[in-house]
Amino acid sequence: MTEPQLTFAGLDLFSSGPAALAPPTTEPRLALHPVARGHGQPATPQGLEPQTLNQTGQLRADTQQELETITANIANIADGQTENLIDHRTNRTYPHTLIESFSPGPAHRLGPRWARDYRIQYRVLQP
C-alpha cells in the first residue's frame, strides 16, 4: 500500500496517483467607501480573507468501476463540513478546512489501468 500523501477528514483518498498541493494563498479583504462629492471609492483594509489551497492530481485504478468509486468517495466528503487537511509530505496540518470544489476530469485509459485528472479547491477557514 502507498503511504498517504494527503488526507482529508482522516481519509486517504488521493494515494492512487500523483497529487500536488499548491502553497496557500491569502488575499486582503477590502471595504469600499463612497465619497461625498467625490469620484471613486477609497478602499480600506479589513484584514485577510481565509487561505485558499489548490490540489491537482490524478486518480488511478485497475478498473473503471474502482475509479468511479474513488471519485464518488471524494465527492461525498465535499459536504460543506470543515475537516483537517494534512499534507504528510510536509507534515503540515490545515485545520477547519472546507472543500469548496471538486472537479474531476473524464476517465481515460492509462496503459492497462484507468485514470482521471482532478482539481480540488480548499478554503482554510481558521488557520
C-alpha atoms as a PDB file:
ATOM      1  CA  MET A   1       0.000   0.000   0.000  1.00  0.00           C
ATOM      2  CA  THR A   2       1.203   3.501  -0.835  1.00  0.00           C
ATOM      3  CA  GLU A   3       1.914   5.893   2.023  1.00  0.00           C
ATOM      4  CA  PRO A   4      -0.637   8.711   2.243  1.00  0.00           C
ATOM      5  CA  GLN A   5       0.338  11.952   0.542  1.00  0.00           C
ATOM      6  CA  LEU A   6      -2.690  13.935   1.653  1.00  0.00           C
ATOM      7  CA  THR A   7      -5.579  13.082   3.924  1.00  0.00           C
ATOM      8  CA  PHE A   8      -8.849  14.933   4.433  1.00  0.00           C
ATOM      9  CA  ALA A   9     -11.169  14.099   7.326  1.00  0.00           C
ATOM     10  CA  GLY A  10      -8.735  11.323   8.210  1.00  0.00           C
ATOM     11  CA  LEU A  11      -9.354   9.609   4.852  1.00  0.00           C
ATOM     12  CA  ASP A  12      -6.607   8.669   2.418  1.00  0.00           C
ATOM     13  CA  LEU A  13      -8.370   9.112  -0.919  1.00  0.00           C
ATOM     14  CA  PHE A  14      -5.536  10.524  -3.011  1.00  0.00           C
ATOM     15  CA  SER A  15      -2.750   7.914  -2.903  1.00  0.00           C
ATOM     16  CA  SER A  16      -3.851   6.038  -6.010  1.00  0.00           C
ATOM     17  CA  GLY A  17      -1.872   8.502  -8.152  1.00  0.00           C
ATOM     18  CA  PRO A  18       0.203  11.667  -8.013  1.00  0.00           C
ATOM     19  CA  ALA A  19      -1.142  14.670  -6.099  1.00  0.00           C
ATOM     20  CA  ALA A  20       0.211  18.187  -5.618  1.00  0.00           C
ATOM     21  CA  LEU A  21      -0.911  20.789  -3.105  1.00  0.00           C
ATOM     22  CA  ALA A  22      -0.005  24.356  -4.048  1.00  0.00           C
ATOM     23  CA  PRO A  23       1.147  26.687  -1.268  1.00  0.00           C
ATOM     24  CA  PRO A  24      -1.742  28.570   0.349  1.00  0.00           C
ATOM     25  CA  THR A  25      -2.753  31.972  -0.940  1.00  0.00           C
ATOM     26  CA  THR A  26      -4.202  34.715   1.210  1.00  0.00           C
ATOM     27  CA  GLU A  27      -5.960  37.737  -0.230  1.00  0.00           C
ATOM     28  CA  PRO A  28      -6.509  41.056   1.550  1.00  0.00           C
ATOM     29  CA  ARG A  29     -10.115  41.892   2.421  1.00  0.00           C
ATOM     30  CA  LEU A  30     -11.036  45.447   1.441  1.00  0.00           C
ATOM     31  CA  ALA A  31     -14.081  47.602   2.106  1.00  0.00           C
ATOM     32  CA  LEU A  32     -15.144  50.273  -0.377  1.00  0.00           C
ATOM     33  CA  HIS A  33     -16.467  53.565   0.983  1.00  0.00           C
ATOM     34  CA  PRO A  34     -18.456  56.082  -1.072  1.00  0.00           C
ATOM     35  CA  VAL A  35     -17.129  59.622  -1.057  1.00  0.00           C
ATOM     36  CA  ALA A  36     -19.428  62.636  -0.851  1.00  0.00           C
ATOM     37  CA  ARG A  37     -18.977  64.888  -3.906  1.00  0.00           C
ATOM     38  CA  GLY A  38     -16.001  62.820  -4.938  1.00  0.00           C
ATOM     39  CA  HIS A  39     -15.044  60.385  -7.572  1.00  0.00           C
ATOM     40  CA  GLY A  40     -14.292  56.754  -6.921  1.00  0.00           C
ATOM     41  CA  GLN A  41     -14.424  54.788  -3.730  1.00  0.00           C
ATOM     42  CA  PRO A  42     -11.452  54.519  -1.394  1.00  0.00           C
ATOM     43  CA  ALA A  43     -10.678  51.046  -0.111  1.00  0.00           C
ATOM     44  CA  THR A  44      -9.663  50.381   3.473  1.00  0.00           C
ATOM     45  CA  PRO A  45      -8.013  47.154   4.617  1.00  0.00           C
ATOM     46  CA  GLN A  46     -10.265  44.804   6.607  1.00  0.00           C
ATOM     47  CA  GLY A  47      -7.819  42.007   7.376  1.00  0.00           C
ATOM     48  CA  LEU A  48      -7.224  38.901   5.312  1.00  0.00           C
ATOM     49  CA  GLU A  49      -9.546  36.501   3.519  1.00  0.00           C
ATOM     50  CA  PRO A  50      -9.298  32.824   4.515  1.00  0.00           C
ATOM     51  CA  GLN A  51      -6.484  30.886   2.852  1.00  0.00           C
ATOM     52  CA  THR A  52      -7.166  29.083  -0.412  1.00  0.00           C
ATOM     53  CA  LEU A  53      -5.401  25.827  -1.276  1.00  0.00           C
ATOM     54  CA  ASN A  54      -5.454  24.148  -4.680  1.00  0.00           C
ATOM     55  CA  GLN A  55      -4.777  20.467  -5.165  1.00  0.00           C
ATOM     56  CA  THR A  56      -4.266  18.828  -8.522  1.00  0.00           C
ATOM     57  CA  GLY A  57      -3.635  15.209  -9.208  1.00  0.00           C
ATOM     58  CA  GLN A  58      -4.602  12.042 -10.937  1.00  0.00           C
ATOM     59  CA  LEU A  59      -6.688   9.228  -9.533  1.00  0.00           C
ATOM     60  CA  ARG A  60      -5.764   5.744 -10.762  1.00  0.00           C
ATOM     61  CA  ALA A  61      -7.433   2.350 -10.506  1.00  0.00           C
ATOM     62  CA  ASP A  62      -7.342  -1.105 -12.073  1.00  0.00           C
ATOM     63  CA  THR A  63     -10.937  -0.894 -13.290  1.00  0.00           C
ATOM     64  CA  GLN A  64     -13.241   1.877 -14.363  1.00  0.00           C
ATOM     65  CA  GLN A  65     -15.649   0.910 -11.558  1.00  0.00           C
ATOM     66  CA  GLU A  66     -12.884   1.293  -8.933  1.00  0.00           C
ATOM     67  CA  LEU A  67     -12.083   4.718 -10.387  1.00  0.00           C
ATOM     68  CA  GLU A  68     -15.746   5.739 -10.177  1.00  0.00           C
ATOM     69  CA  THR A  69     -15.855   4.578  -6.534  1.00  0.00           C
ATOM     70  CA  ILE A  70     -12.770   6.647  -5.607  1.00  0.00           C
ATOM     71  CA  THR A  71     -14.266   9.667  -7.383  1.00  0.00           C
ATOM     72  CA  ALA A  72     -17.617   9.249  -5.594  1.00  0.00           C
ATOM     73  CA  ASN A  73     -15.883   8.931  -2.217  1.00  0.00           C
ATOM     74  CA  ILE A  74     -14.121  12.257  -2.754  1.00  0.00           C
ATOM     75  CA  ALA A  75     -17.342  13.923  -3.943  1.00  0.00           C
ATOM     76  CA  ASN A  76     -19.106  12.628  -0.816  1.00  0.00           C
ATOM     77  CA  ILE A  77     -16.682  14.364   1.562  1.00  0.00           C
ATOM     78  CA  ALA A  78     -17.261  17.693  -0.208  1.00  0.00           C
ATOM     79  CA  ASP A  79     -20.294  18.081   2.040  1.00  0.00           C
ATOM     80  CA  GLY A  80     -19.837  21.580   3.436  1.00  0.00           C
ATOM     81  CA  GLN A  81     -18.263  20.348   6.683  1.00  0.00           C
ATOM     82  CA  THR A  82     -14.853  21.569   7.802  1.00  0.00           C
ATOM     83  CA  GLU A  83     -12.218  18.931   8.489  1.00  0.00           C
ATOM     84  CA  ASN A  84      -8.459  18.659   8.886  1.00  0.00           C
ATOM     85  CA  LEU A  85      -6.411  18.533   5.691  1.00  0.00           C
ATOM     86  CA  ILE A  86      -2.977  17.010   6.293  1.00  0.00           C
ATOM     87  CA  ASP A  87      -0.076  17.157   3.852  1.00  0.00           C
ATOM     88  CA  HIS A  88       2.002  14.203   5.020  1.00  0.00           C
ATOM     89  CA  ARG A  89       4.931  15.165   2.790  1.00  0.00           C
ATOM     90  CA  THR A  90       5.474  18.427   4.685  1.00  0.00           C
ATOM     91  CA  ASN A  91       3.840  17.363   7.990  1.00  0.00           C
ATOM     92  CA  ARG A  92       1.560  20.410   7.765  1.00  0.00           C
ATOM     93  CA  THR A  93      -1.999  20.348   9.049  1.00  0.00           C
ATOM     94  CA  TYR A  94      -4.645  22.780   7.834  1.00  0.00           C
ATOM     95  CA  PRO A  95      -7.443  22.722  10.454  1.00  0.00           C
ATOM     96  CA  HIS A  96     -11.024  23.821   9.748  1.00  0.00           C
ATOM     97  CA  THR A  97     -10.691  23.264   6.013  1.00  0.00           C
ATOM     98  CA  LEU A  98     -13.606  23.101   3.602  1.00  0.00           C
ATOM     99  CA  ILE A  99     -13.673  21.541   0.143  1.00  0.00           C
ATOM    100  CA  GLU A 100     -15.090  24.365  -1.969  1.00  0.00           C
ATOM    101  CA  SER A 101     -14.981  22.497  -5.262  1.00  0.00           C
ATOM    102  CA  PHE A 102     -14.022  19.111  -6.660  1.00  0.00           C
ATOM    103  CA  SER A 103     -13.579  18.996 -10.431  1.00  0.00           C
ATOM    104  CA  PRO A 104     -12.916  15.513 -11.788  1.00  0.00           C
ATOM    105  CA  GLY A 105     -11.969  15.180 -15.422  1.00  0.00           C
ATOM    106  CA  PRO A 106     -13.064  12.394 -17.744  1.00  0.00           C
ATOM    107  CA  ALA A 107     -11.907   8.826 -17.137  1.00  0.00           C
ATOM    108  CA  HIS A 108      -9.299   7.579 -19.589  1.00  0.00           C
ATOM    109  CA  ARG A 109      -7.049   4.598 -20.103  1.00  0.00           C
ATOM    110  CA  LEU A 110      -3.510   4.784 -18.761  1.00  0.00           C
ATOM    111  CA  GLY A 111      -1.880   1.630 -20.088  1.00  0.00           C
ATOM    112  CA  PRO A 112      -3.836  -1.271 -18.598  1.00  0.00           C
ATOM    113  CA  ARG A 113      -5.295   0.956 -15.843  1.00  0.00           C
ATOM    114  CA  TRP A 114      -7.868   3.736 -15.641  1.00  0.00           C
ATOM    115  CA  ALA A 115      -7.072   7.327 -14.656  1.00  0.00           C
ATOM    116  CA  ARG A 116      -8.784  10.662 -14.101  1.00  0.00           C
ATOM    117  CA  ASP A 117      -7.200  14.088 -13.577  1.00  0.00           C
ATOM    118  CA  TYR A 118      -8.823  16.253 -10.934  1.00  0.00           C
ATOM    119  CA  ARG A 119      -8.660  19.610  -9.189  1.00  0.00           C
ATOM    120  CA  ILE A 120      -9.807  20.435  -5.659  1.00  0.00           C
ATOM    121  CA  GLN A 121     -10.080  23.887  -4.153  1.00  0.00           C
ATOM    122  CA  TYR A 122      -9.996  24.098  -0.365  1.00  0.00           C
ATOM    123  CA  ARG A 123     -10.724  27.040   1.920  1.00  0.00           C
ATOM    124  CA  VAL A 124      -8.919  27.155   5.288  1.00  0.00           C
ATOM    125  CA  LEU A 125     -11.433  28.944   7.487  1.00  0.00           C
ATOM    126  CA  GLN A 126      -9.280  29.163  10.609  1.00  0.00           C
ATOM    127  CA  PRO A 127      -5.506  28.846  10.139  1.00  0.00           C
END
